[in-house]
Structures are given as C-alpha cells and as structure tokens.
Amino acid sequence: MSATLVFALIALVVVVLVLFWLATAHYVGEVLSDSKDDGHGGAGH
C-alpha cells in the first residue's frame, strides 16, 4: 500500500467519525430538549 492511499483512508475515517459525532450530538440535543418541552404541553409539536 502506498503512503498516499493510507493517508487517504485515515482522512476518510476521521471525516466519517467527525460527521457521526456531530450527528449524534445534534440528535442527543434534540432528544434532551424534547424531553424538557414535554413537561410544558409540547408547544413545539
């Protein structure tokens, strides 16, 4: 395997992990905000 290919694979993995982490953090934030809003009549739903 060439160094360029290895570097490209590592970069791809890093990008995927970052995107997954951002999506997970956003999803968790939405769930937490929704659970708090449920106690106030669910105005946003």
N, C-alpha and C. Protein backbone atom coordinates (compact mmCIF):
# COMPACT_ATOMS: atom_id res chain seq x y z
N MET A 1 0.85 -1.21 0.00
CA MET A 1 0.00 0.00 0.00
C MET A 1 0.88 1.25 0.00
N SER A 2 0.50 2.20 -0.80
CA SER A 2 1.27 3.44 -0.87
C SER A 2 0.91 4.36 0.29
N ALA A 3 1.82 5.24 0.62
CA ALA A 3 1.58 6.17 1.72
C ALA A 3 0.38 7.06 1.44
N THR A 4 0.20 7.42 0.17
CA THR A 4 -0.92 8.28 -0.20
C THR A 4 -2.25 7.59 0.06
N LEU A 5 -2.33 6.30 -0.26
CA LEU A 5 -3.56 5.55 -0.05
C LEU A 5 -3.86 5.42 1.43
N VAL A 6 -2.83 5.15 2.22
CA VAL A 6 -3.01 5.03 3.67
C VAL A 6 -3.50 6.36 4.24
N PHE A 7 -2.89 7.46 3.81
CA PHE A 7 -3.28 8.78 4.29
C PHE A 7 -4.73 9.09 3.91
N ALA A 8 -5.11 8.72 2.69
CA ALA A 8 -6.47 8.97 2.22
C ALA A 8 -7.47 8.17 3.05
N LEU A 9 -7.15 6.93 3.36
CA LEU A 9 -8.04 6.10 4.17
C LEU A 9 -8.20 6.66 5.58
N ILE A 10 -7.08 7.10 6.17
CA ILE A 10 -7.13 7.69 7.51
C ILE A 10 -7.97 8.96 7.50
N ALA A 11 -7.77 9.80 6.50
CA ALA A 11 -8.54 11.04 6.40
C ALA A 11 -10.03 10.73 6.26
N LEU A 12 -10.36 9.72 5.46
CA LEU A 12 -11.76 9.35 5.26
C LEU A 12 -12.39 8.88 6.56
N VAL A 13 -11.66 8.05 7.30
CA VAL A 13 -12.16 7.55 8.58
C VAL A 13 -12.39 8.70 9.56
N VAL A 14 -11.45 9.64 9.61
CA VAL A 14 -11.57 10.79 10.51
C VAL A 14 -12.80 11.62 10.16
N VAL A 15 -13.00 11.87 8.87
CA VAL A 15 -14.16 12.66 8.44
C VAL A 15 -15.46 11.97 8.81
N VAL A 16 -15.53 10.66 8.58
CA VAL A 16 -16.74 9.90 8.92
C VAL A 16 -17.00 9.94 10.42
N LEU A 17 -15.96 9.78 11.21
CA LEU A 17 -16.13 9.81 12.67
C LEU A 17 -16.61 11.18 13.14
N VAL A 18 -16.05 12.24 12.58
CA VAL A 18 -16.46 13.60 12.96
C VAL A 18 -17.92 13.85 12.59
N LEU A 19 -18.30 13.45 11.39
CA LEU A 19 -19.69 13.64 10.96
C LEU A 19 -20.63 12.84 11.85
N PHE A 20 -20.24 11.61 12.18
CA PHE A 20 -21.07 10.77 13.04
C PHE A 20 -21.20 11.39 14.42
N TRP A 21 -20.09 11.95 14.95
CA TRP A 21 -20.12 12.57 16.27
C TRP A 21 -21.02 13.80 16.26
N LEU A 22 -20.93 14.60 15.22
CA LEU A 22 -21.77 15.79 15.13
C LEU A 22 -23.25 15.41 15.03
N ALA A 23 -23.55 14.41 14.23
CA ALA A 23 -24.94 13.96 14.07
C ALA A 23 -25.47 13.42 15.40
N THR A 24 -24.64 12.65 16.10
CA THR A 24 -25.06 12.08 17.38
C THR A 24 -25.28 13.19 18.41
N ALA A 25 -24.37 14.16 18.46
CA ALA A 25 -24.51 15.26 19.42
C ALA A 25 -25.78 16.05 19.13
N HIS A 26 -26.07 16.29 17.86
CA HIS A 26 -27.28 17.04 17.48
C HIS A 26 -28.52 16.23 17.86
N TYR A 27 -28.49 14.93 17.60
CA TYR A 27 -29.65 14.08 17.91
C TYR A 27 -29.90 14.04 19.41
N VAL A 28 -28.82 13.87 20.19
CA VAL A 28 -28.96 13.84 21.65
C VAL A 28 -29.50 15.17 22.15
N GLY A 29 -29.02 16.27 21.59
CA GLY A 29 -29.50 17.59 22.00
C GLY A 29 -30.98 17.74 21.70
N GLU A 30 -31.42 17.24 20.55
CA GLU A 30 -32.84 17.32 20.20
C GLU A 30 -33.67 16.50 21.17
N VAL A 31 -33.20 15.31 21.50
CA VAL A 31 -33.94 14.43 22.41
C VAL A 31 -34.04 15.08 23.79
N LEU A 32 -32.94 15.66 24.26
CA LEU A 32 -32.96 16.29 25.59
C LEU A 32 -33.90 17.49 25.60
N SER A 33 -33.86 18.30 24.57
CA SER A 33 -34.73 19.47 24.53
C SER A 33 -36.19 19.04 24.42
N ASP A 34 -36.45 17.98 23.67
CA ASP A 34 -37.83 17.49 23.53
C ASP A 34 -38.34 16.96 24.86
N SER A 35 -37.49 16.25 25.60
CA SER A 35 -37.93 15.68 26.88
C SER A 35 -38.25 16.79 27.87
N LYS A 36 -37.51 17.90 27.79
CA LYS A 36 -37.79 19.03 28.69
C LYS A 36 -39.09 19.72 28.28
N ASP A 37 -39.31 19.86 26.98
CA ASP A 37 -40.50 20.54 26.48
C ASP A 37 -41.78 19.75 26.76
N ASP A 38 -41.66 18.43 26.91
CA ASP A 38 -42.85 17.61 27.13
C ASP A 38 -43.58 18.00 28.40
N GLY A 39 -42.86 18.60 29.35
CA GLY A 39 -43.49 18.98 30.61
C GLY A 39 -44.26 20.29 30.50
N HIS A 40 -44.23 20.93 29.32
CA HIS A 40 -44.88 22.22 29.16
C HIS A 40 -45.94 22.19 28.07
N GLY A 41 -46.58 21.05 27.90
CA GLY A 41 -47.67 20.96 26.95
C GLY A 41 -47.24 20.65 25.53
N GLY A 42 -45.93 20.47 25.29
CA GLY A 42 -45.46 20.13 23.96
C GLY A 42 -45.83 21.19 22.94
N ALA A 43 -45.53 22.45 23.20
CA ALA A 43 -45.93 23.55 22.32
C ALA A 43 -45.29 23.40 20.93
N GLY A 44 -44.09 22.81 20.87
CA GLY A 44 -43.40 22.71 19.60
C GLY A 44 -43.85 21.54 18.75
N HIS A 45 -44.81 20.77 19.20
CA HIS A 45 -45.23 19.57 18.46
C HIS A 45 -46.69 19.64 18.09
